[in-house]
Amino acid sequence: MSKLQTEAADRMIDRIASAAGSREAALQELMNSLGGIPIGRPGLPEEVAELAAFLVSDRAASITGSEYVIDDGTVPTS
């Protein structure tokens, strides 16, 4: 499951909230089911878009063959 807070994710949180009692409790339940999110919140589609916009800009002209992981800190790095 994506860890981005999209419209579909918002609708799922609303459905869970009806049983969980509150939207905050539903969001926490969803984050826990995903194994937690180290930054404490789901990522936003706009955050991914900002990286994409940078990569297609002239400022990133010398960047080639790179891989970017946008995972809200869930993949451990050393």
C-alpha atoms as a PDB file:
ATOM      1  CA  MET A   1       0.000   0.000   0.000  1.00  0.00           C
ATOM      2  CA  SER A   2       1.214   3.463  -0.797  1.00  0.00           C
ATOM      3  CA  LYS A   3       2.125   5.607   2.172  1.00  0.00           C
ATOM      4  CA  LEU A   4       0.975   8.752   0.403  1.00  0.00           C
ATOM      5  CA  GLN A   5      -2.040  10.533   1.760  1.00  0.00           C
ATOM      6  CA  THR A   6      -4.099  10.598  -1.413  1.00  0.00           C
ATOM      7  CA  GLU A   7      -7.840  11.156  -1.806  1.00  0.00           C
ATOM      8  CA  ALA A   8      -8.320   7.381  -1.772  1.00  0.00           C
ATOM      9  CA  ALA A   9      -6.328   7.113   1.465  1.00  0.00           C
ATOM     10  CA  ASP A  10      -8.440   9.908   2.967  1.00  0.00           C
ATOM     11  CA  ARG A  11     -11.627   7.992   2.101  1.00  0.00           C
ATOM     12  CA  MET A  12     -10.207   4.837   3.716  1.00  0.00           C
ATOM     13  CA  ILE A  13      -9.315   6.806   6.860  1.00  0.00           C
ATOM     14  CA  ASP A  14     -12.878   8.159   6.967  1.00  0.00           C
ATOM     15  CA  ARG A  15     -14.269   4.585   6.770  1.00  0.00           C
ATOM     16  CA  ILE A  16     -11.934   3.385   9.538  1.00  0.00           C
ATOM     17  CA  ALA A  17     -12.805   6.462  11.633  1.00  0.00           C
ATOM     18  CA  SER A  18     -16.430   5.395  11.820  1.00  0.00           C
ATOM     19  CA  ALA A  19     -15.302   2.317  13.774  1.00  0.00           C
ATOM     20  CA  ALA A  20     -12.228   3.792  15.470  1.00  0.00           C
ATOM     21  CA  GLY A  21     -14.069   6.783  16.903  1.00  0.00           C
ATOM     22  CA  SER A  22     -11.988   9.577  15.426  1.00  0.00           C
ATOM     23  CA  ARG A  23     -10.051  10.463  12.315  1.00  0.00           C
ATOM     24  CA  GLU A  24      -6.826  10.751  14.330  1.00  0.00           C
ATOM     25  CA  ALA A  25      -7.310   7.256  15.784  1.00  0.00           C
ATOM     26  CA  ALA A  26      -8.078   5.913  12.307  1.00  0.00           C
ATOM     27  CA  LEU A  27      -4.931   7.487  10.841  1.00  0.00           C
ATOM     28  CA  GLN A  28      -2.823   6.039  13.662  1.00  0.00           C
ATOM     29  CA  GLU A  29      -4.423   2.604  13.159  1.00  0.00           C
ATOM     30  CA  LEU A  30      -3.655   2.767   9.436  1.00  0.00           C
ATOM     31  CA  MET A  31      -0.058   3.879  10.012  1.00  0.00           C
ATOM     32  CA  ASN A  32       0.427   1.061  12.537  1.00  0.00           C
ATOM     33  CA  SER A  33      -0.934  -1.481  10.047  1.00  0.00           C
ATOM     34  CA  LEU A  34       1.729  -0.312   7.584  1.00  0.00           C
ATOM     35  CA  GLY A  35       4.466  -0.913  10.133  1.00  0.00           C
ATOM     36  CA  GLY A  36       4.639   2.689  11.254  1.00  0.00           C
ATOM     37  CA  ILE A  37       5.830   5.794   9.469  1.00  0.00           C
ATOM     38  CA  PRO A  38       9.019   7.249  10.968  1.00  0.00           C
ATOM     39  CA  ILE A  39       8.220  10.867  10.027  1.00  0.00           C
ATOM     40  CA  GLY A  40       4.903  10.496  11.863  1.00  0.00           C
ATOM     41  CA  ARG A  41       2.584  11.172   8.929  1.00  0.00           C
ATOM     42  CA  PRO A  42       1.924   9.890   5.440  1.00  0.00           C
ATOM     43  CA  GLY A  43       3.722  11.587   2.598  1.00  0.00           C
ATOM     44  CA  LEU A  44       1.850  14.019   0.407  1.00  0.00           C
ATOM     45  CA  PRO A  45       1.524  13.708  -3.372  1.00  0.00           C
ATOM     46  CA  GLU A  46       2.837  17.276  -3.621  1.00  0.00           C
ATOM     47  CA  GLU A  47       6.117  16.164  -2.025  1.00  0.00           C
ATOM     48  CA  VAL A  48       6.648  13.596  -4.771  1.00  0.00           C
ATOM     49  CA  ALA A  49       5.669  16.157  -7.402  1.00  0.00           C
ATOM     50  CA  GLU A  50       8.270  18.597  -6.079  1.00  0.00           C
ATOM     51  CA  LEU A  51      11.042  16.032  -6.588  1.00  0.00           C
ATOM     52  CA  ALA A  52       9.780  15.242 -10.081  1.00  0.00           C
ATOM     53  CA  ALA A  53       9.661  18.955 -10.944  1.00  0.00           C
ATOM     54  CA  PHE A  54      13.224  19.408  -9.725  1.00  0.00           C
ATOM     55  CA  LEU A  55      14.484  16.404 -11.695  1.00  0.00           C
ATOM     56  CA  VAL A  56      13.052  17.738 -14.960  1.00  0.00           C
ATOM     57  CA  SER A  57      14.368  21.255 -14.310  1.00  0.00           C
ATOM     58  CA  ASP A  58      17.607  22.703 -15.643  1.00  0.00           C
ATOM     59  CA  ARG A  59      18.998  22.681 -12.095  1.00  0.00           C
ATOM     60  CA  ALA A  60      19.134  18.867 -12.216  1.00  0.00           C
ATOM     61  CA  ALA A  61      20.730  18.673 -15.683  1.00  0.00           C
ATOM     62  CA  SER A  62      23.804  16.815 -14.400  1.00  0.00           C
ATOM     63  CA  ILE A  63      21.849  14.182 -12.461  1.00  0.00           C
ATOM     64  CA  THR A  64      21.763  10.890 -14.353  1.00  0.00           C
ATOM     65  CA  GLY A  65      21.110   7.303 -13.364  1.00  0.00           C
ATOM     66  CA  SER A  66      19.965   8.135  -9.855  1.00  0.00           C
ATOM     67  CA  GLU A  67      17.299   6.394  -7.820  1.00  0.00           C
ATOM     68  CA  TYR A  68      15.236   8.277  -5.278  1.00  0.00           C
ATOM     69  CA  VAL A  69      13.278   6.538  -2.560  1.00  0.00           C
ATOM     70  CA  ILE A  70      10.337   8.483  -1.200  1.00  0.00           C
ATOM     71  CA  ASP A  71       9.175   6.254   1.627  1.00  0.00           C
ATOM     72  CA  ASP A  72       8.695   8.546   4.622  1.00  0.00           C
ATOM     73  CA  GLY A  73      11.800   7.054   6.231  1.00  0.00           C
ATOM     74  CA  THR A  74      10.628   3.427   6.326  1.00  0.00           C
ATOM     75  CA  VAL A  75      13.680   1.983   4.554  1.00  0.00           C
ATOM     76  CA  PRO A  76      16.662   2.036   6.959  1.00  0.00           C
ATOM     77  CA  THR A  77      19.772   3.693   5.611  1.00  0.00           C
ATOM     78  CA  SER A  78      23.250   3.652   7.017  1.00  0.00           C
END
